[in-house]
Structure formats: C-alpha cells, structure tokens
All heavy atoms as atom14 arrays in JSON, in Angstrom:
{
  "sequence": "TFANGGDNIGVYVPVFATAGVGGMSVYAVVFLVLVAIWCCAGKFFA",
  "atom14_mask": [
    [1, 1, 1, 1, 1, 1, 1, 0, 0, 0, 0, 0, 0, 0],
    [1, 1, 1, 1, 1, 1, 1, 1, 1, 1, 1, 0, 0, 0],
    [1, 1, 1, 1, 1, 0, 0, 0, 0, 0, 0, 0, 0, 0],
    [1, 1, 1, 1, 1, 1, 1, 1, 0, 0, 0, 0, 0, 0],
    [1, 1, 1, 1, 0, 0, 0, 0, 0, 0, 0, 0, 0, 0],
    [1, 1, 1, 1, 0, 0, 0, 0, 0, 0, 0, 0, 0, 0],
    [1, 1, 1, 1, 1, 1, 1, 1, 0, 0, 0, 0, 0, 0],
    [1, 1, 1, 1, 1, 1, 1, 1, 0, 0, 0, 0, 0, 0],
    [1, 1, 1, 1, 1, 1, 1, 1, 0, 0, 0, 0, 0, 0],
    [1, 1, 1, 1, 0, 0, 0, 0, 0, 0, 0, 0, 0, 0],
    [1, 1, 1, 1, 1, 1, 1, 0, 0, 0, 0, 0, 0, 0],
    [1, 1, 1, 1, 1, 1, 1, 1, 1, 1, 1, 1, 0, 0],
    [1, 1, 1, 1, 1, 1, 1, 0, 0, 0, 0, 0, 0, 0],
    [1, 1, 1, 1, 1, 1, 1, 0, 0, 0, 0, 0, 0, 0],
    [1, 1, 1, 1, 1, 1, 1, 0, 0, 0, 0, 0, 0, 0],
    [1, 1, 1, 1, 1, 1, 1, 1, 1, 1, 1, 0, 0, 0],
    [1, 1, 1, 1, 1, 0, 0, 0, 0, 0, 0, 0, 0, 0],
    [1, 1, 1, 1, 1, 1, 1, 0, 0, 0, 0, 0, 0, 0],
    [1, 1, 1, 1, 1, 0, 0, 0, 0, 0, 0, 0, 0, 0],
    [1, 1, 1, 1, 0, 0, 0, 0, 0, 0, 0, 0, 0, 0],
    [1, 1, 1, 1, 1, 1, 1, 0, 0, 0, 0, 0, 0, 0],
    [1, 1, 1, 1, 0, 0, 0, 0, 0, 0, 0, 0, 0, 0],
    [1, 1, 1, 1, 0, 0, 0, 0, 0, 0, 0, 0, 0, 0],
    [1, 1, 1, 1, 1, 1, 1, 1, 0, 0, 0, 0, 0, 0],
    [1, 1, 1, 1, 1, 1, 0, 0, 0, 0, 0, 0, 0, 0],
    [1, 1, 1, 1, 1, 1, 1, 0, 0, 0, 0, 0, 0, 0],
    [1, 1, 1, 1, 1, 1, 1, 1, 1, 1, 1, 1, 0, 0],
    [1, 1, 1, 1, 1, 0, 0, 0, 0, 0, 0, 0, 0, 0],
    [1, 1, 1, 1, 1, 1, 1, 0, 0, 0, 0, 0, 0, 0],
    [1, 1, 1, 1, 1, 1, 1, 0, 0, 0, 0, 0, 0, 0],
    [1, 1, 1, 1, 1, 1, 1, 1, 1, 1, 1, 0, 0, 0],
    [1, 1, 1, 1, 1, 1, 1, 1, 0, 0, 0, 0, 0, 0],
    [1, 1, 1, 1, 1, 1, 1, 0, 0, 0, 0, 0, 0, 0],
    [1, 1, 1, 1, 1, 1, 1, 1, 0, 0, 0, 0, 0, 0],
    [1, 1, 1, 1, 1, 1, 1, 0, 0, 0, 0, 0, 0, 0],
    [1, 1, 1, 1, 1, 0, 0, 0, 0, 0, 0, 0, 0, 0],
    [1, 1, 1, 1, 1, 1, 1, 1, 0, 0, 0, 0, 0, 0],
    [1, 1, 1, 1, 1, 1, 1, 1, 1, 1, 1, 1, 1, 1],
    [1, 1, 1, 1, 1, 1, 0, 0, 0, 0, 0, 0, 0, 0],
    [1, 1, 1, 1, 1, 1, 0, 0, 0, 0, 0, 0, 0, 0],
    [1, 1, 1, 1, 1, 0, 0, 0, 0, 0, 0, 0, 0, 0],
    [1, 1, 1, 1, 0, 0, 0, 0, 0, 0, 0, 0, 0, 0],
    [1, 1, 1, 1, 1, 1, 1, 1, 1, 0, 0, 0, 0, 0],
    [1, 1, 1, 1, 1, 1, 1, 1, 1, 1, 1, 0, 0, 0],
    [1, 1, 1, 1, 1, 1, 1, 1, 1, 1, 1, 0, 0, 0],
    [1, 1, 1, 1, 1, 0, 0, 0, 0, 0, 0, 0, 0, 0]
  ],
  "atom14_positions": [
    [[-43.43, 14.51, -66.16], [-42.01, 14.65, -66.47], [-41.8, 15.7, -67.55], [-40.91, 16.54, -67.45], [-41.43, 13.29, -66.93], [-41.65, 12.34, -65.89], [-39.96, 13.4, -67.23], [0.0, 0.0, 0.0], [0.0, 0.0, 0.0], [0.0, 0.0, 0.0], [0.0, 0.0, 0.0], [0.0, 0.0, 0.0], [0.0, 0.0, 0.0], [0.0, 0.0, 0.0]],
    [[-42.62, 15.66, -68.58], [-42.52, 16.64, -69.66], [-42.8, 18.05, -69.14], [-42.08, 18.99, -69.44], [-43.49, 16.29, -70.79], [-43.46, 17.26, -71.92], [-42.41, 17.24, -72.83], [-44.47, 18.19, -72.08], [-42.37, 18.15, -73.88], [-44.44, 19.1, -73.12], [-43.38, 19.07, -74.03], [0.0, 0.0, 0.0], [0.0, 0.0, 0.0], [0.0, 0.0, 0.0]],
    [[-43.86, 18.21, -68.33], [-44.21, 19.52, -67.8], [-43.13, 20.04, -66.87], [-42.81, 21.23, -66.88], [-45.55, 19.44, -67.08], [0.0, 0.0, 0.0], [0.0, 0.0, 0.0], [0.0, 0.0, 0.0], [0.0, 0.0, 0.0], [0.0, 0.0, 0.0], [0.0, 0.0, 0.0], [0.0, 0.0, 0.0], [0.0, 0.0, 0.0], [0.0, 0.0, 0.0]],
    [[-42.57, 19.17, -66.06], [-41.54, 19.56, -65.12], [-40.24, 19.94, -65.82], [-39.51, 20.8, -65.36], [-41.28, 18.44, -64.11], [-40.47, 18.89, -62.93], [-40.5, 20.05, -62.56], [-39.74, 17.98, -62.35], [0.0, 0.0, 0.0], [0.0, 0.0, 0.0], [0.0, 0.0, 0.0], [0.0, 0.0, 0.0], [0.0, 0.0, 0.0], [0.0, 0.0, 0.0]],
    [[-39.95, 19.3, -66.94], [-38.7, 19.57, -67.64], [-38.82, 20.59, -68.75], [-37.81, 20.94, -69.38], [0.0, 0.0, 0.0], [0.0, 0.0, 0.0], [0.0, 0.0, 0.0], [0.0, 0.0, 0.0], [0.0, 0.0, 0.0], [0.0, 0.0, 0.0], [0.0, 0.0, 0.0], [0.0, 0.0, 0.0], [0.0, 0.0, 0.0], [0.0, 0.0, 0.0]],
    [[-40.0, 21.1, -69.0], [-40.19, 22.04, -70.08], [-39.38, 23.32, -69.93], [-38.88, 23.87, -70.91], [0.0, 0.0, 0.0], [0.0, 0.0, 0.0], [0.0, 0.0, 0.0], [0.0, 0.0, 0.0], [0.0, 0.0, 0.0], [0.0, 0.0, 0.0], [0.0, 0.0, 0.0], [0.0, 0.0, 0.0], [0.0, 0.0, 0.0], [0.0, 0.0, 0.0]],
    [[-39.22, 23.8, -68.71], [-38.45, 25.03, -68.5], [-36.96, 24.81, -68.73], [-36.21, 25.76, -68.94], [-38.71, 25.6, -67.12], [-38.35, 24.63, -66.01], [-38.29, 23.43, -66.26], [-38.13, 25.1, -64.88], [0.0, 0.0, 0.0], [0.0, 0.0, 0.0], [0.0, 0.0, 0.0], [0.0, 0.0, 0.0], [0.0, 0.0, 0.0], [0.0, 0.0, 0.0]],
    [[-36.53, 23.55, -68.69], [-35.12, 23.26, -68.91], [-34.71, 23.45, -70.37], [-33.52, 23.6, -70.67], [-34.79, 21.83, -68.49], [-34.95, 21.63, -67.0], [-34.84, 22.57, -66.23], [-35.24, 20.42, -66.6], [0.0, 0.0, 0.0], [0.0, 0.0, 0.0], [0.0, 0.0, 0.0], [0.0, 0.0, 0.0], [0.0, 0.0, 0.0], [0.0, 0.0, 0.0]],
    [[-35.67, 23.46, -71.27], [-35.37, 23.61, -72.69], [-34.63, 24.92, -72.94], [-33.66, 24.97, -73.7], [-36.65, 23.51, -73.54], [-37.2, 22.09, -73.47], [-36.4, 23.92, -74.99], [-38.54, 21.91, -74.12], [0.0, 0.0, 0.0], [0.0, 0.0, 0.0], [0.0, 0.0, 0.0], [0.0, 0.0, 0.0], [0.0, 0.0, 0.0], [0.0, 0.0, 0.0]],
    [[-35.06, 25.97, -72.26], [-34.42, 27.27, -72.42], [-32.97, 27.27, -71.97], [-32.16, 28.07, -72.43], [0.0, 0.0, 0.0], [0.0, 0.0, 0.0], [0.0, 0.0, 0.0], [0.0, 0.0, 0.0], [0.0, 0.0, 0.0], [0.0, 0.0, 0.0], [0.0, 0.0, 0.0], [0.0, 0.0, 0.0], [0.0, 0.0, 0.0], [0.0, 0.0, 0.0]],
    [[-32.61, 26.38, -71.07], [-31.24, 26.29, -70.58], [-30.41, 25.38, -71.47], [-29.28, 25.7, -71.82], [-31.21, 25.78, -69.13], [-29.79, 25.56, -68.65], [-31.95, 26.75, -68.21], [0.0, 0.0, 0.0], [0.0, 0.0, 0.0], [0.0, 0.0, 0.0], [0.0, 0.0, 0.0], [0.0, 0.0, 0.0], [0.0, 0.0, 0.0], [0.0, 0.0, 0.0]],
    [[-30.98, 24.24, -71.85], [-30.19, 23.23, -72.54], [-30.0, 23.49, -74.03], [-29.01, 23.05, -74.61], [-30.79, 21.84, -72.34], [-30.67, 21.37, -70.92], [-31.79, 20.95, -70.2], [-29.45, 21.34, -70.28], [-31.68, 20.52, -68.9], [-29.34, 20.92, -68.97], [-30.44, 20.5, -68.28], [-30.34, 20.09, -66.99], [0.0, 0.0, 0.0], [0.0, 0.0, 0.0]],
    [[-30.92, 24.18, -74.66], [-30.78, 24.41, -76.11], [-29.5, 25.17, -76.42], [-28.74, 24.76, -77.31], [-32.04, 25.11, -76.68], [-31.79, 25.66, -78.07], [-33.21, 24.16, -76.68], [0.0, 0.0, 0.0], [0.0, 0.0, 0.0], [0.0, 0.0, 0.0], [0.0, 0.0, 0.0], [0.0, 0.0, 0.0], [0.0, 0.0, 0.0], [0.0, 0.0, 0.0]],
    [[-29.18, 26.27, -75.73], [-27.91, 26.94, -76.03], [-26.68, 26.06, -75.73], [-25.7, 26.09, -76.47], [-27.92, 28.16, -75.11], [-29.33, 28.39, -74.77], [-29.97, 27.04, -74.78], [0.0, 0.0, 0.0], [0.0, 0.0, 0.0], [0.0, 0.0, 0.0], [0.0, 0.0, 0.0], [0.0, 0.0, 0.0], [0.0, 0.0, 0.0], [0.0, 0.0, 0.0]],
    [[-26.76, 25.26, -74.66], [-25.63, 24.38, -74.33], [-25.45, 23.35, -75.43], [-24.32, 23.11, -75.88], [-25.86, 23.7, -72.96], [-24.82, 22.63, -72.7], [-25.85, 24.73, -71.85], [0.0, 0.0, 0.0], [0.0, 0.0, 0.0], [0.0, 0.0, 0.0], [0.0, 0.0, 0.0], [0.0, 0.0, 0.0], [0.0, 0.0, 0.0], [0.0, 0.0, 0.0]],
    [[-26.54, 22.73, -75.85], [-26.43, 21.71, -76.9], [-26.03, 22.32, -78.25], [-25.37, 21.67, -79.05], [-27.74, 20.94, -77.04], [-28.06, 20.07, -75.86], [-29.37, 19.74, -75.56], [-27.06, 19.58, -75.03], [-29.67, 18.93, -74.48], [-27.35, 18.77, -73.94], [-28.66, 18.45, -73.68], [0.0, 0.0, 0.0], [0.0, 0.0, 0.0], [0.0, 0.0, 0.0]],
    [[-26.44, 23.55, -78.5], [-26.1, 24.19, -79.77], [-24.61, 24.47, -79.87], [-24.05, 24.44, -80.97], [-26.89, 25.49, -79.92], [0.0, 0.0, 0.0], [0.0, 0.0, 0.0], [0.0, 0.0, 0.0], [0.0, 0.0, 0.0], [0.0, 0.0, 0.0], [0.0, 0.0, 0.0], [0.0, 0.0, 0.0], [0.0, 0.0, 0.0], [0.0, 0.0, 0.0]],
    [[-23.96, 24.73, -78.74], [-22.53, 25.03, -78.78], [-21.66, 23.81, -78.54], [-20.46, 23.87, -78.79], [-22.19, 26.1, -77.72], [-22.55, 25.63, -76.43], [-22.92, 27.4, -78.02], [0.0, 0.0, 0.0], [0.0, 0.0, 0.0], [0.0, 0.0, 0.0], [0.0, 0.0, 0.0], [0.0, 0.0, 0.0], [0.0, 0.0, 0.0], [0.0, 0.0, 0.0]],
    [[-22.24, 22.72, -78.05], [-21.46, 21.51, -77.8], [-21.25, 20.74, -79.1], [-22.14, 20.68, -79.95], [-22.17, 20.61, -76.79], [0.0, 0.0, 0.0], [0.0, 0.0, 0.0], [0.0, 0.0, 0.0], [0.0, 0.0, 0.0], [0.0, 0.0, 0.0], [0.0, 0.0, 0.0], [0.0, 0.0, 0.0], [0.0, 0.0, 0.0], [0.0, 0.0, 0.0]],
    [[-20.11, 20.16, -79.22], [-19.83, 19.34, -80.39], [-20.4, 17.95, -80.19], [-21.12, 17.66, -79.22], [0.0, 0.0, 0.0], [0.0, 0.0, 0.0], [0.0, 0.0, 0.0], [0.0, 0.0, 0.0], [0.0, 0.0, 0.0], [0.0, 0.0, 0.0], [0.0, 0.0, 0.0], [0.0, 0.0, 0.0], [0.0, 0.0, 0.0], [0.0, 0.0, 0.0]],
    [[-20.05, 17.07, -81.1], [-20.53, 15.69, -81.02], [-20.01, 15.02, -79.76], [-20.74, 14.29, -79.08], [-20.11, 14.9, -82.29], [-20.47, 13.44, -82.16], [-20.74, 15.5, -83.52], [0.0, 0.0, 0.0], [0.0, 0.0, 0.0], [0.0, 0.0, 0.0], [0.0, 0.0, 0.0], [0.0, 0.0, 0.0], [0.0, 0.0, 0.0], [0.0, 0.0, 0.0]],
    [[-18.75, 15.27, -79.42], [-18.17, 14.68, -78.22], [-18.87, 15.18, -76.96], [-19.18, 14.38, -76.06], [0.0, 0.0, 0.0], [0.0, 0.0, 0.0], [0.0, 0.0, 0.0], [0.0, 0.0, 0.0], [0.0, 0.0, 0.0], [0.0, 0.0, 0.0], [0.0, 0.0, 0.0], [0.0, 0.0, 0.0], [0.0, 0.0, 0.0], [0.0, 0.0, 0.0]],
    [[-19.12, 16.47, -76.88], [-19.81, 17.04, -75.72], [-21.23, 16.5, -75.59], [-21.69, 16.17, -74.49], [0.0, 0.0, 0.0], [0.0, 0.0, 0.0], [0.0, 0.0, 0.0], [0.0, 0.0, 0.0], [0.0, 0.0, 0.0], [0.0, 0.0, 0.0], [0.0, 0.0, 0.0], [0.0, 0.0, 0.0], [0.0, 0.0, 0.0], [0.0, 0.0, 0.0]],
    [[-21.92, 16.39, -76.71], [-23.29, 15.85, -76.69], [-23.29, 14.4, -76.25], [-24.18, 13.97, -75.52], [-23.92, 15.96, -78.08], [-24.27, 17.36, -78.49], [-25.66, 17.98, -77.55], [-26.96, 17.05, -78.25], [0.0, 0.0, 0.0], [0.0, 0.0, 0.0], [0.0, 0.0, 0.0], [0.0, 0.0, 0.0], [0.0, 0.0, 0.0], [0.0, 0.0, 0.0]],
    [[-22.28, 13.65, -76.67], [-22.19, 12.25, -76.26], [-21.98, 12.13, -74.76], [-22.6, 11.3, -74.11], [-21.04, 11.55, -76.99], [-21.25, 11.59, -78.38], [0.0, 0.0, 0.0], [0.0, 0.0, 0.0], [0.0, 0.0, 0.0], [0.0, 0.0, 0.0], [0.0, 0.0, 0.0], [0.0, 0.0, 0.0], [0.0, 0.0, 0.0], [0.0, 0.0, 0.0]],
    [[-21.13, 12.98, -74.22], [-20.89, 12.97, -72.77], [-22.17, 13.35, -72.02], [-22.54, 12.7, -71.03], [-19.72, 13.92, -72.4], [-19.63, 14.11, -70.89], [-18.42, 13.4, -72.96], [0.0, 0.0, 0.0], [0.0, 0.0, 0.0], [0.0, 0.0, 0.0], [0.0, 0.0, 0.0], [0.0, 0.0, 0.0], [0.0, 0.0, 0.0], [0.0, 0.0, 0.0]],
    [[-22.85, 14.38, -72.49], [-24.11, 14.79, -71.84], [-25.12, 13.64, -71.85], [-25.79, 13.38, -70.85], [-24.73, 16.0, -72.55], [-23.98, 17.29, -72.36], [-23.83, 18.17, -73.41], [-23.44, 17.64, -71.12], [-23.15, 19.37, -73.25], [-22.76, 18.84, -70.95], [-22.62, 19.69, -72.02], [-21.95, 20.87, -71.85], [0.0, 0.0, 0.0], [0.0, 0.0, 0.0]],
    [[-25.24, 12.97, -72.99], [-26.22, 11.88, -73.11], [-25.86, 10.72, -72.19], [-26.74, 10.17, -71.51], [-26.3, 11.4, -74.56], [0.0, 0.0, 0.0], [0.0, 0.0, 0.0], [0.0, 0.0, 0.0], [0.0, 0.0, 0.0], [0.0, 0.0, 0.0], [0.0, 0.0, 0.0], [0.0, 0.0, 0.0], [0.0, 0.0, 0.0], [0.0, 0.0, 0.0]],
    [[-24.59, 10.35, -72.14], [-24.17, 9.23, -71.28], [-24.39, 9.57, -69.81], [-24.93, 8.76, -69.05], [-22.7, 8.85, -71.57], [-22.16, 7.91, -70.51], [-22.58, 8.23, -72.95], [0.0, 0.0, 0.0], [0.0, 0.0, 0.0], [0.0, 0.0, 0.0], [0.0, 0.0, 0.0], [0.0, 0.0, 0.0], [0.0, 0.0, 0.0], [0.0, 0.0, 0.0]],
    [[-23.99, 10.78, -69.41], [-24.17, 11.19, -68.01], [-25.65, 11.2, -67.65], [-26.07, 10.71, -66.59], [-23.52, 12.56, -67.75], [-23.94, 13.13, -66.4], [-22.01, 12.45, -67.83], [0.0, 0.0, 0.0], [0.0, 0.0, 0.0], [0.0, 0.0, 0.0], [0.0, 0.0, 0.0], [0.0, 0.0, 0.0], [0.0, 0.0, 0.0], [0.0, 0.0, 0.0]],
    [[-26.49, 11.73, -68.55], [-27.93, 11.77, -68.29], [-28.49, 10.36, -68.11], [-29.23, 10.09, -67.16], [-28.64, 12.47, -69.45], [-30.13, 12.43, -69.36], [-30.82, 13.27, -68.49], [-30.86, 11.53, -70.13], [-32.19, 13.22, -68.39], [-32.23, 11.47, -70.03], [-32.9, 12.32, -69.16], [0.0, 0.0, 0.0], [0.0, 0.0, 0.0], [0.0, 0.0, 0.0]],
    [[-28.14, 9.45, -69.01], [-28.66, 8.09, -68.94], [-28.18, 7.36, -67.69], [-28.94, 6.63, -67.05], [-28.31, 7.31, -70.21], [-29.0, 7.81, -71.48], [-28.45, 7.08, -72.69], [-30.5, 7.64, -71.38], [0.0, 0.0, 0.0], [0.0, 0.0, 0.0], [0.0, 0.0, 0.0], [0.0, 0.0, 0.0], [0.0, 0.0, 0.0], [0.0, 0.0, 0.0]],
    [[-26.92, 7.56, -67.32], [-26.39, 6.93, -66.11], [-27.12, 7.45, -64.88], [-27.52, 6.68, -63.99], [-24.86, 7.14, -66.0], [-24.34, 6.78, -64.62], [-24.13, 6.34, -67.07], [0.0, 0.0, 0.0], [0.0, 0.0, 0.0], [0.0, 0.0, 0.0], [0.0, 0.0, 0.0], [0.0, 0.0, 0.0], [0.0, 0.0, 0.0], [0.0, 0.0, 0.0]],
    [[-27.32, 8.76, -64.81], [-27.99, 9.33, -63.64], [-29.46, 8.93, -63.57], [-29.98, 8.7, -62.47], [-27.83, 10.85, -63.62], [-26.4, 11.34, -63.37], [-26.32, 12.86, -63.48], [-25.89, 10.86, -62.03], [0.0, 0.0, 0.0], [0.0, 0.0, 0.0], [0.0, 0.0, 0.0], [0.0, 0.0, 0.0], [0.0, 0.0, 0.0], [0.0, 0.0, 0.0]],
    [[-30.13, 8.82, -64.71], [-31.51, 8.33, -64.71], [-31.56, 6.89, -64.21], [-32.43, 6.52, -63.42], [-32.15, 8.46, -66.11], [-33.45, 7.68, -66.2], [-32.41, 9.91, -66.44], [0.0, 0.0, 0.0], [0.0, 0.0, 0.0], [0.0, 0.0, 0.0], [0.0, 0.0, 0.0], [0.0, 0.0, 0.0], [0.0, 0.0, 0.0], [0.0, 0.0, 0.0]],
    [[-30.61, 6.08, -64.64], [-30.55, 4.68, -64.17], [-30.32, 4.63, -62.66], [-30.94, 3.82, -61.96], [-29.44, 3.93, -64.91], [0.0, 0.0, 0.0], [0.0, 0.0, 0.0], [0.0, 0.0, 0.0], [0.0, 0.0, 0.0], [0.0, 0.0, 0.0], [0.0, 0.0, 0.0], [0.0, 0.0, 0.0], [0.0, 0.0, 0.0], [0.0, 0.0, 0.0]],
    [[-29.46, 5.5, -62.15], [-29.22, 5.54, -60.7], [-30.5, 5.93, -59.96], [-30.85, 5.33, -58.95], [-28.06, 6.51, -60.37], [-26.74, 5.9, -60.85], [-28.0, 6.82, -58.87], [-25.56, 6.85, -60.76], [0.0, 0.0, 0.0], [0.0, 0.0, 0.0], [0.0, 0.0, 0.0], [0.0, 0.0, 0.0], [0.0, 0.0, 0.0], [0.0, 0.0, 0.0]],
    [[-31.22, 6.95, -60.47], [-32.49, 7.35, -59.83], [-33.5, 6.2, -59.84], [-34.2, 5.96, -58.86], [-33.1, 8.56, -60.53], [-32.61, 9.87, -60.03], [-31.92, 10.81, -60.73], [-32.76, 10.41, -58.71], [-31.63, 11.87, -59.93], [-32.14, 11.67, -58.69], [-33.36, 9.95, -57.55], [-32.11, 12.46, -57.56], [-33.33, 10.75, -56.41], [-32.71, 11.99, -56.42]],
    [[-33.59, 5.49, -60.97], [-34.54, 4.37, -61.07], [-34.16, 3.25, -60.09], [-35.03, 2.69, -59.41], [-34.6, 3.83, -62.5], [-35.39, 4.96, -63.65], [0.0, 0.0, 0.0], [0.0, 0.0, 0.0], [0.0, 0.0, 0.0], [0.0, 0.0, 0.0], [0.0, 0.0, 0.0], [0.0, 0.0, 0.0], [0.0, 0.0, 0.0], [0.0, 0.0, 0.0]],
    [[-32.88, 2.93, -60.02], [-32.42, 1.89, -59.08], [-32.66, 2.31, -57.64], [-33.09, 1.49, -56.81], [-30.95, 1.57, -59.31], [-30.64, 0.72, -60.87], [0.0, 0.0, 0.0], [0.0, 0.0, 0.0], [0.0, 0.0, 0.0], [0.0, 0.0, 0.0], [0.0, 0.0, 0.0], [0.0, 0.0, 0.0], [0.0, 0.0, 0.0], [0.0, 0.0, 0.0]],
    [[-32.39, 3.57, -57.34], [-32.63, 4.06, -55.97], [-34.12, 4.01, -55.64], [-34.51, 3.61, -54.53], [-32.1, 5.48, -55.82], [0.0, 0.0, 0.0], [0.0, 0.0, 0.0], [0.0, 0.0, 0.0], [0.0, 0.0, 0.0], [0.0, 0.0, 0.0], [0.0, 0.0, 0.0], [0.0, 0.0, 0.0], [0.0, 0.0, 0.0], [0.0, 0.0, 0.0]],
    [[-34.97, 4.39, -56.59], [-36.41, 4.33, -56.37], [-36.88, 2.91, -56.12], [-37.67, 2.65, -55.21], [0.0, 0.0, 0.0], [0.0, 0.0, 0.0], [0.0, 0.0, 0.0], [0.0, 0.0, 0.0], [0.0, 0.0, 0.0], [0.0, 0.0, 0.0], [0.0, 0.0, 0.0], [0.0, 0.0, 0.0], [0.0, 0.0, 0.0], [0.0, 0.0, 0.0]],
    [[-36.39, 1.99, -56.92], [-36.78, 0.58, -56.73], [-36.27, 0.06, -55.4], [-36.97, -0.65, -54.69], [-36.24, -0.28, -57.88], [-36.66, -1.72, -57.75], [-36.19, -2.56, -58.91], [-36.64, -4.0, -58.69], [-36.21, -4.87, -59.76], [0.0, 0.0, 0.0], [0.0, 0.0, 0.0], [0.0, 0.0, 0.0], [0.0, 0.0, 0.0], [0.0, 0.0, 0.0]],
    [[-35.02, 0.41, -55.06], [-34.44, -0.05, -53.8], [-35.27, 0.43, -52.61], [-35.65, -0.35, -51.74], [-33.0, 0.46, -53.66], [-32.39, 0.16, -52.33], [-31.9, -1.1, -52.05], [-32.31, 1.14, -51.35], [-31.34, -1.38, -50.8], [-31.75, 0.87, -50.11], [-31.27, -0.4, -49.84], [0.0, 0.0, 0.0], [0.0, 0.0, 0.0], [0.0, 0.0, 0.0]],
    [[-35.58, 1.72, -52.58], [-36.33, 2.25, -51.44], [-37.77, 1.77, -51.42], [-38.33, 1.52, -50.35], [-36.27, 3.78, -51.41], [-34.92, 4.3, -51.01], [-34.16, 5.04, -51.89], [-34.4, 4.02, -49.76], [-32.9, 5.51, -51.53], [-33.15, 4.49, -49.38], [-32.4, 5.23, -50.27], [0.0, 0.0, 0.0], [0.0, 0.0, 0.0], [0.0, 0.0, 0.0]],
    [[-38.4, 1.63, -52.59], [-39.79, 1.19, -52.63], [-39.96, -0.27, -52.24], [-41.04, -0.67, -51.83], [-40.37, 1.43, -54.02], [0.0, 0.0, 0.0], [0.0, 0.0, 0.0], [0.0, 0.0, 0.0], [0.0, 0.0, 0.0], [0.0, 0.0, 0.0], [0.0, 0.0, 0.0], [0.0, 0.0, 0.0], [0.0, 0.0, 0.0], [0.0, 0.0, 0.0]]
  ]
}
C-alpha cells in the first residue's frame, strides 16, 4: 500500500498545502468513507 501510494505524494502535497482546515477535513472524511466502502466490498465478495 505504501509503495503503491508513494507516487501520490507528489499530487496530494500541493493540494493539501493550499486547502484550509475545512478542505482537509472534507478530504479526510471522503477518504475514510471510501476506504470503508472498499473494505466492506472486499469482505462481501470474499
């Protein structure tokens, strides 16, 4: 997961640097919700 997401750092650092606290909160919530959906889908299919 770390190796696969390492190239994303170059994309997300500028986005996070310009986002305020509200934007960062939205990004974090959306990320956590989507990870939960992926985990539930994986468990469902497996």
